[in-house]
Amino acid sequence: MTMKYLTLIFGCLLVCLSGKAQDQERILKDRKYELGVNITRVLSNLVGNEVEEAVFPLTLKVRGSKHYWRFSVDPTLENINNLSLNARVTDITSRIGVEKRAYLGDRWRFLYGIDLYGFYRKDASTNTSPIDVLRFTVTDTGLGLAPVFGFQFLLTDRIALELETNYLFSYIRQKSTLAHEVATNLDTETSSNSFSVTKPDPKFLYIIVRF
């Protein structure tokens, strides 16, 4: 499956190179702003393939002279409170990038570009027992770089469907601390680094509003 996507992407890139001058002229006639609503999870659940909450529920694109700027932020905040445990999870993923286009007729566009990702996640919990209070914190910070490819199909001049995929290279630094309110001599702190790569499967399906 992955090889099929890579072959398709390579073929579209060849088309992009052959029509580069015309594409730069046409992008100036395209809409200035595009707002995308992620419908990946909704569609997957309808066909019986449940997925987790979609990353980047909204995306904004702003046209420049030769490309589009892309912006997305996905913030998540969770709280858990009971008699012995209080926990708070803060998770923020953001991206900014540039996107170029090859115009394949009047309705189809092949999209290609690159995104810079930023990651921040903090899990903080407090566990209370009769003999001590434990505070455990895990913080992840990192950066990612993702070549992105996709197709956009115009349903009307104002509405489009867009399918995106990327190859995300990410670096994450994790720091963990365990603090005791009473037995402070047992406090610990550790850190680690990790690098990961995701495979290019279809990931994001958007309804695009153009204005």
C-alpha atoms as a PDB file:
ATOM      1  CA  MET A   1       0.000   0.000   0.000  1.00  0.00           C
ATOM      2  CA  THR A   2       2.794   2.410   0.891  1.00  0.00           C
ATOM      3  CA  MET A   3       4.571   1.831  -2.443  1.00  0.00           C
ATOM      4  CA  LYS A   4       1.368   2.694  -4.334  1.00  0.00           C
ATOM      5  CA  TYR A   5       1.165   6.060  -2.576  1.00  0.00           C
ATOM      6  CA  LEU A   6       4.840   6.790  -3.200  1.00  0.00           C
ATOM      7  CA  THR A   7       4.491   5.915  -6.891  1.00  0.00           C
ATOM      8  CA  LEU A   8       1.437   8.142  -7.225  1.00  0.00           C
ATOM      9  CA  ILE A   9       3.194  11.014  -5.461  1.00  0.00           C
ATOM     10  CA  PHE A  10       6.298  10.659  -7.667  1.00  0.00           C
ATOM     11  CA  GLY A  11       4.176  10.757 -10.824  1.00  0.00           C
ATOM     12  CA  CYS A  12       2.387  13.892  -9.652  1.00  0.00           C
ATOM     13  CA  LEU A  13       5.700  15.578  -8.865  1.00  0.00           C
ATOM     14  CA  LEU A  14       6.796  15.046 -12.470  1.00  0.00           C
ATOM     15  CA  VAL A  15       3.589  16.725 -13.617  1.00  0.00           C
ATOM     16  CA  CYS A  16       4.313  19.610 -11.230  1.00  0.00           C
ATOM     17  CA  LEU A  17       7.766  20.211 -12.700  1.00  0.00           C
ATOM     18  CA  SER A  18       6.458  20.227 -16.264  1.00  0.00           C
ATOM     19  CA  GLY A  19       3.766  22.842 -15.562  1.00  0.00           C
ATOM     20  CA  LYS A  20       5.496  25.013 -12.973  1.00  0.00           C
ATOM     21  CA  ALA A  21       5.167  28.381 -14.792  1.00  0.00           C
ATOM     22  CA  GLN A  22       1.461  27.940 -15.501  1.00  0.00           C
ATOM     23  CA  ASP A  23       0.809  26.873 -11.885  1.00  0.00           C
ATOM     24  CA  GLN A  24       2.397  30.061 -10.525  1.00  0.00           C
ATOM     25  CA  GLU A  25       0.067  32.118 -12.705  1.00  0.00           C
ATOM     26  CA  ARG A  26      -3.041  30.152 -11.701  1.00  0.00           C
ATOM     27  CA  ILE A  27      -2.365  30.288  -7.960  1.00  0.00           C
ATOM     28  CA  LEU A  28      -2.684  34.087  -8.081  1.00  0.00           C
ATOM     29  CA  LYS A  29      -6.226  33.651  -9.431  1.00  0.00           C
ATOM     30  CA  ASP A  30      -7.163  31.153  -6.692  1.00  0.00           C
ATOM     31  CA  ARG A  31      -9.010  31.992  -3.488  1.00  0.00           C
ATOM     32  CA  LYS A  32      -7.074  33.953  -0.851  1.00  0.00           C
ATOM     33  CA  TYR A  33      -8.184  31.926   2.191  1.00  0.00           C
ATOM     34  CA  GLU A  34      -9.146  28.310   2.797  1.00  0.00           C
ATOM     35  CA  LEU A  35     -10.577  26.926   6.042  1.00  0.00           C
ATOM     36  CA  GLY A  36     -10.601  23.154   6.413  1.00  0.00           C
ATOM     37  CA  VAL A  37     -12.759  21.034   8.757  1.00  0.00           C
ATOM     38  CA  ASN A  38     -11.351  17.585   9.487  1.00  0.00           C
ATOM     39  CA  ILE A  39     -13.993  14.900   8.838  1.00  0.00           C
ATOM     40  CA  THR A  40     -11.637  11.898   9.020  1.00  0.00           C
ATOM     41  CA  ARG A  41     -13.093  10.493  12.232  1.00  0.00           C
ATOM     42  CA  VAL A  42     -16.720  11.050  11.220  1.00  0.00           C
ATOM     43  CA  LEU A  43     -16.282   9.292   7.891  1.00  0.00           C
ATOM     44  CA  SER A  44     -14.264   6.421   9.401  1.00  0.00           C
ATOM     45  CA  ASN A  45     -16.935   5.762  12.030  1.00  0.00           C
ATOM     46  CA  LEU A  46     -19.668   5.765   9.392  1.00  0.00           C
ATOM     47  CA  VAL A  47     -17.937   2.917   7.532  1.00  0.00           C
ATOM     48  CA  GLY A  48     -17.254   1.009  10.752  1.00  0.00           C
ATOM     49  CA  ASN A  49     -13.550   1.781  11.077  1.00  0.00           C
ATOM     50  CA  GLU A  50     -13.346   3.633  14.397  1.00  0.00           C
ATOM     51  CA  VAL A  51     -10.366   5.924  14.942  1.00  0.00           C
ATOM     52  CA  GLU A  52      -9.229   8.163  17.760  1.00  0.00           C
ATOM     53  CA  GLU A  53     -10.076  11.864  17.853  1.00  0.00           C
ATOM     54  CA  ALA A  54      -8.845  13.502  14.661  1.00  0.00           C
ATOM     55  CA  VAL A  55      -5.651  15.543  14.874  1.00  0.00           C
ATOM     56  CA  PHE A  56      -6.003  19.168  13.702  1.00  0.00           C
ATOM     57  CA  PRO A  57      -9.805  19.566  13.634  1.00  0.00           C
ATOM     58  CA  LEU A  58      -9.333  22.866  11.774  1.00  0.00           C
ATOM     59  CA  THR A  59      -6.688  24.076   9.359  1.00  0.00           C
ATOM     60  CA  LEU A  60      -6.220  27.513   7.790  1.00  0.00           C
ATOM     61  CA  LYS A  61      -4.455  28.283   4.527  1.00  0.00           C
ATOM     62  CA  VAL A  62      -3.513  31.756   3.296  1.00  0.00           C
ATOM     63  CA  ARG A  63      -2.391  32.350  -0.292  1.00  0.00           C
ATOM     64  CA  GLY A  64       0.900  34.080  -0.972  1.00  0.00           C
ATOM     65  CA  SER A  65       2.430  35.085  -4.299  1.00  0.00           C
ATOM     66  CA  LYS A  66       3.782  31.606  -5.114  1.00  0.00           C
ATOM     67  CA  HIS A  67       2.377  29.253  -2.458  1.00  0.00           C
ATOM     68  CA  TYR A  68      -0.076  28.846   0.399  1.00  0.00           C
ATOM     69  CA  TRP A  69       0.846  29.189   4.072  1.00  0.00           C
ATOM     70  CA  ARG A  70      -0.642  26.453   6.291  1.00  0.00           C
ATOM     71  CA  PHE A  71      -1.529  26.792   9.984  1.00  0.00           C
ATOM     72  CA  SER A  72      -3.064  24.288  12.436  1.00  0.00           C
ATOM     73  CA  VAL A  73      -3.240  23.943  16.230  1.00  0.00           C
ATOM     74  CA  ASP A  74      -4.692  21.015  18.175  1.00  0.00           C
ATOM     75  CA  PRO A  75      -5.003  21.723  21.934  1.00  0.00           C
ATOM     76  CA  THR A  76      -6.314  19.115  24.405  1.00  0.00           C
ATOM     77  CA  LEU A  77      -6.957  19.505  28.137  1.00  0.00           C
ATOM     78  CA  GLU A  78      -8.163  16.738  30.468  1.00  0.00           C
ATOM     79  CA  ASN A  79      -8.796  16.668  34.208  1.00  0.00           C
ATOM     80  CA  ILE A  80      -9.341  13.634  36.467  1.00  0.00           C
ATOM     81  CA  ASN A  81     -10.402  14.153  40.058  1.00  0.00           C
ATOM     82  CA  ASN A  82     -11.391  11.611  42.688  1.00  0.00           C
ATOM     83  CA  LEU A  83     -10.726  10.951  46.370  1.00  0.00           C
ATOM     84  CA  SER A  84      -7.099   9.854  46.017  1.00  0.00           C
ATOM     85  CA  LEU A  85      -6.004  11.003  42.547  1.00  0.00           C
ATOM     86  CA  ASN A  86      -5.928  14.363  40.832  1.00  0.00           C
ATOM     87  CA  ALA A  87      -4.561  14.410  37.286  1.00  0.00           C
ATOM     88  CA  ARG A  88      -4.262  17.000  34.551  1.00  0.00           C
ATOM     89  CA  VAL A  89      -3.184  16.405  30.949  1.00  0.00           C
ATOM     90  CA  THR A  90      -2.196  19.271  28.656  1.00  0.00           C
ATOM     91  CA  ASP A  91      -1.445  18.311  25.061  1.00  0.00           C
ATOM     92  CA  ILE A  92      -0.729  20.824  22.283  1.00  0.00           C
ATOM     93  CA  THR A  93       0.332  19.921  18.750  1.00  0.00           C
ATOM     94  CA  SER A  94       0.850  22.688  16.195  1.00  0.00           C
ATOM     95  CA  ARG A  95       2.144  22.984  12.673  1.00  0.00           C
ATOM     96  CA  ILE A  96       3.079  25.698  10.196  1.00  0.00           C
ATOM     97  CA  GLY A  97       4.131  25.084   6.627  1.00  0.00           C
ATOM     98  CA  VAL A  98       4.167  26.008   2.969  1.00  0.00           C
ATOM     99  CA  GLU A  99       2.140  24.354   0.224  1.00  0.00           C
ATOM    100  CA  LYS A 100       2.528  24.516  -3.543  1.00  0.00           C
ATOM    101  CA  ARG A 101       0.017  23.320  -6.113  1.00  0.00           C
ATOM    102  CA  ALA A 102      -0.137  21.683  -9.519  1.00  0.00           C
ATOM    103  CA  TYR A 103      -3.404  22.329 -11.339  1.00  0.00           C
ATOM    104  CA  LEU A 104      -4.678  19.143 -12.969  1.00  0.00           C
ATOM    105  CA  GLY A 105      -7.573  20.578 -14.949  1.00  0.00           C
ATOM    106  CA  ASP A 106     -10.208  22.932 -13.577  1.00  0.00           C
ATOM    107  CA  ARG A 107     -11.221  20.950 -10.479  1.00  0.00           C
ATOM    108  CA  TRP A 108      -8.223  18.906  -9.378  1.00  0.00           C
ATOM    109  CA  ARG A 109      -5.138  20.204  -7.577  1.00  0.00           C
ATOM    110  CA  PHE A 110      -2.121  18.187  -6.482  1.00  0.00           C
ATOM    111  CA  LEU A 111      -0.720  19.635  -3.234  1.00  0.00           C
ATOM    112  CA  TYR A 112       2.873  19.306  -2.042  1.00  0.00           C
ATOM    113  CA  GLY A 113       4.892  21.096   0.600  1.00  0.00           C
ATOM    114  CA  ILE A 114       6.435  20.788   4.032  1.00  0.00           C
ATOM    115  CA  ASP A 115       5.259  21.367   7.617  1.00  0.00           C
ATOM    116  CA  LEU A 116       7.159  22.174  10.788  1.00  0.00           C
ATOM    117  CA  TYR A 117       5.559  20.544  13.838  1.00  0.00           C
ATOM    118  CA  GLY A 118       5.763  21.531  17.496  1.00  0.00           C
ATOM    119  CA  PHE A 119       4.839  19.132  20.307  1.00  0.00           C
ATOM    120  CA  TYR A 120       4.095  19.779  23.964  1.00  0.00           C
ATOM    121  CA  ARG A 121       2.469  17.363  26.413  1.00  0.00           C
ATOM    122  CA  LYS A 122       2.402  17.446  30.201  1.00  0.00           C
ATOM    123  CA  ASP A 123       0.856  14.775  32.428  1.00  0.00           C
ATOM    124  CA  ALA A 124       0.720  15.899  36.066  1.00  0.00           C
ATOM    125  CA  SER A 125      -0.879  13.773  38.785  1.00  0.00           C
ATOM    126  CA  THR A 126      -1.093  13.870  42.571  1.00  0.00           C
ATOM    127  CA  ASN A 127      -1.773  10.659  44.482  1.00  0.00           C
ATOM    128  CA  THR A 128      -2.713  11.027  48.145  1.00  0.00           C
ATOM    129  CA  SER A 129      -2.304   8.195  50.646  1.00  0.00           C
ATOM    130  CA  PRO A 130      -2.389   8.075  54.476  1.00  0.00           C
ATOM    131  CA  ILE A 131       1.413   8.077  54.665  1.00  0.00           C
ATOM    132  CA  ASP A 132       2.530  10.368  51.841  1.00  0.00           C
ATOM    133  CA  VAL A 133       1.564  12.532  48.863  1.00  0.00           C
ATOM    134  CA  LEU A 134       3.151  11.620  45.520  1.00  0.00           C
ATOM    135  CA  ARG A 135       3.418  14.094  42.655  1.00  0.00           C
ATOM    136  CA  PHE A 136       4.297  12.554  39.292  1.00  0.00           C
ATOM    137  CA  THR A 137       4.987  14.697  36.210  1.00  0.00           C
ATOM    138  CA  VAL A 138       5.864  13.641  32.664  1.00  0.00           C
ATOM    139  CA  THR A 139       6.673  16.369  30.124  1.00  0.00           C
ATOM    140  CA  ASP A 140       7.224  15.757  26.413  1.00  0.00           C
ATOM    141  CA  THR A 141       8.558  18.487  24.123  1.00  0.00           C
ATOM    142  CA  GLY A 142       9.685  18.131  20.556  1.00  0.00           C
ATOM    143  CA  LEU A 143       9.833  19.158  16.935  1.00  0.00           C
ATOM    144  CA  GLY A 144       8.904  17.454  13.711  1.00  0.00           C
ATOM    145  CA  LEU A 145       9.387  17.924   9.982  1.00  0.00           C
ATOM    146  CA  ALA A 146       6.876  16.501   7.518  1.00  0.00           C
ATOM    147  CA  PRO A 147       6.839  16.506   3.722  1.00  0.00           C
ATOM    148  CA  VAL A 148       3.133  16.653   2.870  1.00  0.00           C
ATOM    149  CA  PHE A 149       1.233  15.577  -0.239  1.00  0.00           C
ATOM    150  CA  GLY A 150      -2.426  15.566  -1.135  1.00  0.00           C
ATOM    151  CA  PHE A 151      -5.241  16.127  -3.593  1.00  0.00           C
ATOM    152  CA  GLN A 152      -7.961  18.747  -3.593  1.00  0.00           C
ATOM    153  CA  PHE A 153     -11.163  18.409  -5.614  1.00  0.00           C
ATOM    154  CA  LEU A 154     -13.470  21.396  -6.130  1.00  0.00           C
ATOM    155  CA  LEU A 155     -17.131  20.538  -5.594  1.00  0.00           C
ATOM    156  CA  THR A 156     -17.987  24.170  -6.254  1.00  0.00           C
ATOM    157  CA  ASP A 157     -15.963  27.369  -6.478  1.00  0.00           C
ATOM    158  CA  ARG A 158     -16.347  27.761  -2.698  1.00  0.00           C
ATOM    159  CA  ILE A 159     -16.357  24.155  -1.428  1.00  0.00           C
ATOM    160  CA  ALA A 160     -13.720  21.434  -1.892  1.00  0.00           C
ATOM    161  CA  LEU A 161     -12.713  18.025  -0.574  1.00  0.00           C
ATOM    162  CA  GLU A 162      -9.078  17.473   0.336  1.00  0.00           C
ATOM    163  CA  LEU A 163      -7.099  14.326   1.182  1.00  0.00           C
ATOM    164  CA  GLU A 164      -3.639  14.691   2.756  1.00  0.00           C
ATOM    165  CA  THR A 165      -0.842  12.403   3.811  1.00  0.00           C
ATOM    166  CA  ASN A 166       2.655  13.061   5.150  1.00  0.00           C
ATOM    167  CA  TYR A 167       5.913  11.473   6.207  1.00  0.00           C
ATOM    168  CA  LEU A 168       6.480  12.834   9.716  1.00  0.00           C
ATOM    169  CA  PHE A 169       9.990  12.814  11.214  1.00  0.00           C
ATOM    170  CA  SER A 170       9.766  13.760  14.897  1.00  0.00           C
ATOM    171  CA  TYR A 171      12.187  14.216  17.787  1.00  0.00           C
ATOM    172  CA  ILE A 172      10.788  14.088  21.340  1.00  0.00           C
ATOM    173  CA  ARG A 173      12.511  14.821  24.656  1.00  0.00           C
ATOM    174  CA  GLN A 174      10.800  13.394  27.730  1.00  0.00           C
ATOM    175  CA  LYS A 175      11.386  14.416  31.337  1.00  0.00           C
ATOM    176  CA  SER A 176       9.837  12.534  34.278  1.00  0.00           C
ATOM    177  CA  THR A 177       9.838  13.577  37.941  1.00  0.00           C
ATOM    178  CA  LEU A 178       8.489  11.871  41.047  1.00  0.00           C
ATOM    179  CA  ALA A 179       8.277  14.001  44.182  1.00  0.00           C
ATOM    180  CA  HIS A 180       7.316  12.877  47.711  1.00  0.00           C
ATOM    181  CA  GLU A 181       5.874  15.279  50.240  1.00  0.00           C
ATOM    182  CA  VAL A 182       7.171  13.222  53.180  1.00  0.00           C
ATOM    183  CA  ALA A 183       9.885  10.823  51.945  1.00  0.00           C
ATOM    184  CA  THR A 184      11.765  13.461  49.939  1.00  0.00           C
ATOM    185  CA  ASN A 185      14.882  11.265  49.819  1.00  0.00           C
ATOM    186  CA  LEU A 186      13.013   9.019  47.376  1.00  0.00           C
ATOM    187  CA  ASP A 187      12.475  11.792  44.793  1.00  0.00           C
ATOM    188  CA  THR A 188      13.596  10.859  41.261  1.00  0.00           C
ATOM    189  CA  GLU A 189      14.094  12.600  37.934  1.00  0.00           C
ATOM    190  CA  THR A 190      14.812  10.975  34.571  1.00  0.00           C
ATOM    191  CA  SER A 191      15.005  12.120  30.951  1.00  0.00           C
ATOM    192  CA  SER A 192      15.131  10.447  27.563  1.00  0.00           C
ATOM    193  CA  ASN A 193      15.166  11.267  23.842  1.00  0.00           C
ATOM    194  CA  SER A 194      13.401   9.500  20.983  1.00  0.00           C
ATOM    195  CA  PHE A 195      13.155   9.778  17.208  1.00  0.00           C
ATOM    196  CA  SER A 196      10.290   8.384  15.142  1.00  0.00           C
ATOM    197  CA  VAL A 197       9.056   8.248  11.542  1.00  0.00           C
ATOM    198  CA  THR A 198       5.460   7.696  10.435  1.00  0.00           C
ATOM    199  CA  LYS A 199       4.543   5.952   7.179  1.00  0.00           C
ATOM    200  CA  PRO A 200       2.660   7.789   4.398  1.00  0.00           C
ATOM    201  CA  ASP A 201      -0.884   6.447   4.668  1.00  0.00           C
ATOM    202  CA  PRO A 202      -3.928   8.707   4.063  1.00  0.00           C
ATOM    203  CA  LYS A 203      -4.422  10.659   7.287  1.00  0.00           C
ATOM    204  CA  PHE A 204      -6.534  13.760   6.893  1.00  0.00           C
ATOM    205  CA  LEU A 205      -9.773  14.267   4.997  1.00  0.00           C
ATOM    206  CA  TYR A 206     -11.033  17.842   5.019  1.00  0.00           C
ATOM    207  CA  ILE A 207     -14.036  19.762   3.797  1.00  0.00           C
ATOM    208  CA  ILE A 208     -12.550  23.043   2.579  1.00  0.00           C
ATOM    209  CA  VAL A 209     -14.399  26.360   2.558  1.00  0.00           C
ATOM    210  CA  ARG A 210     -12.723  28.822   0.163  1.00  0.00           C
ATOM    211  CA  PHE A 211     -13.168  32.601   0.384  1.00  0.00           C
END
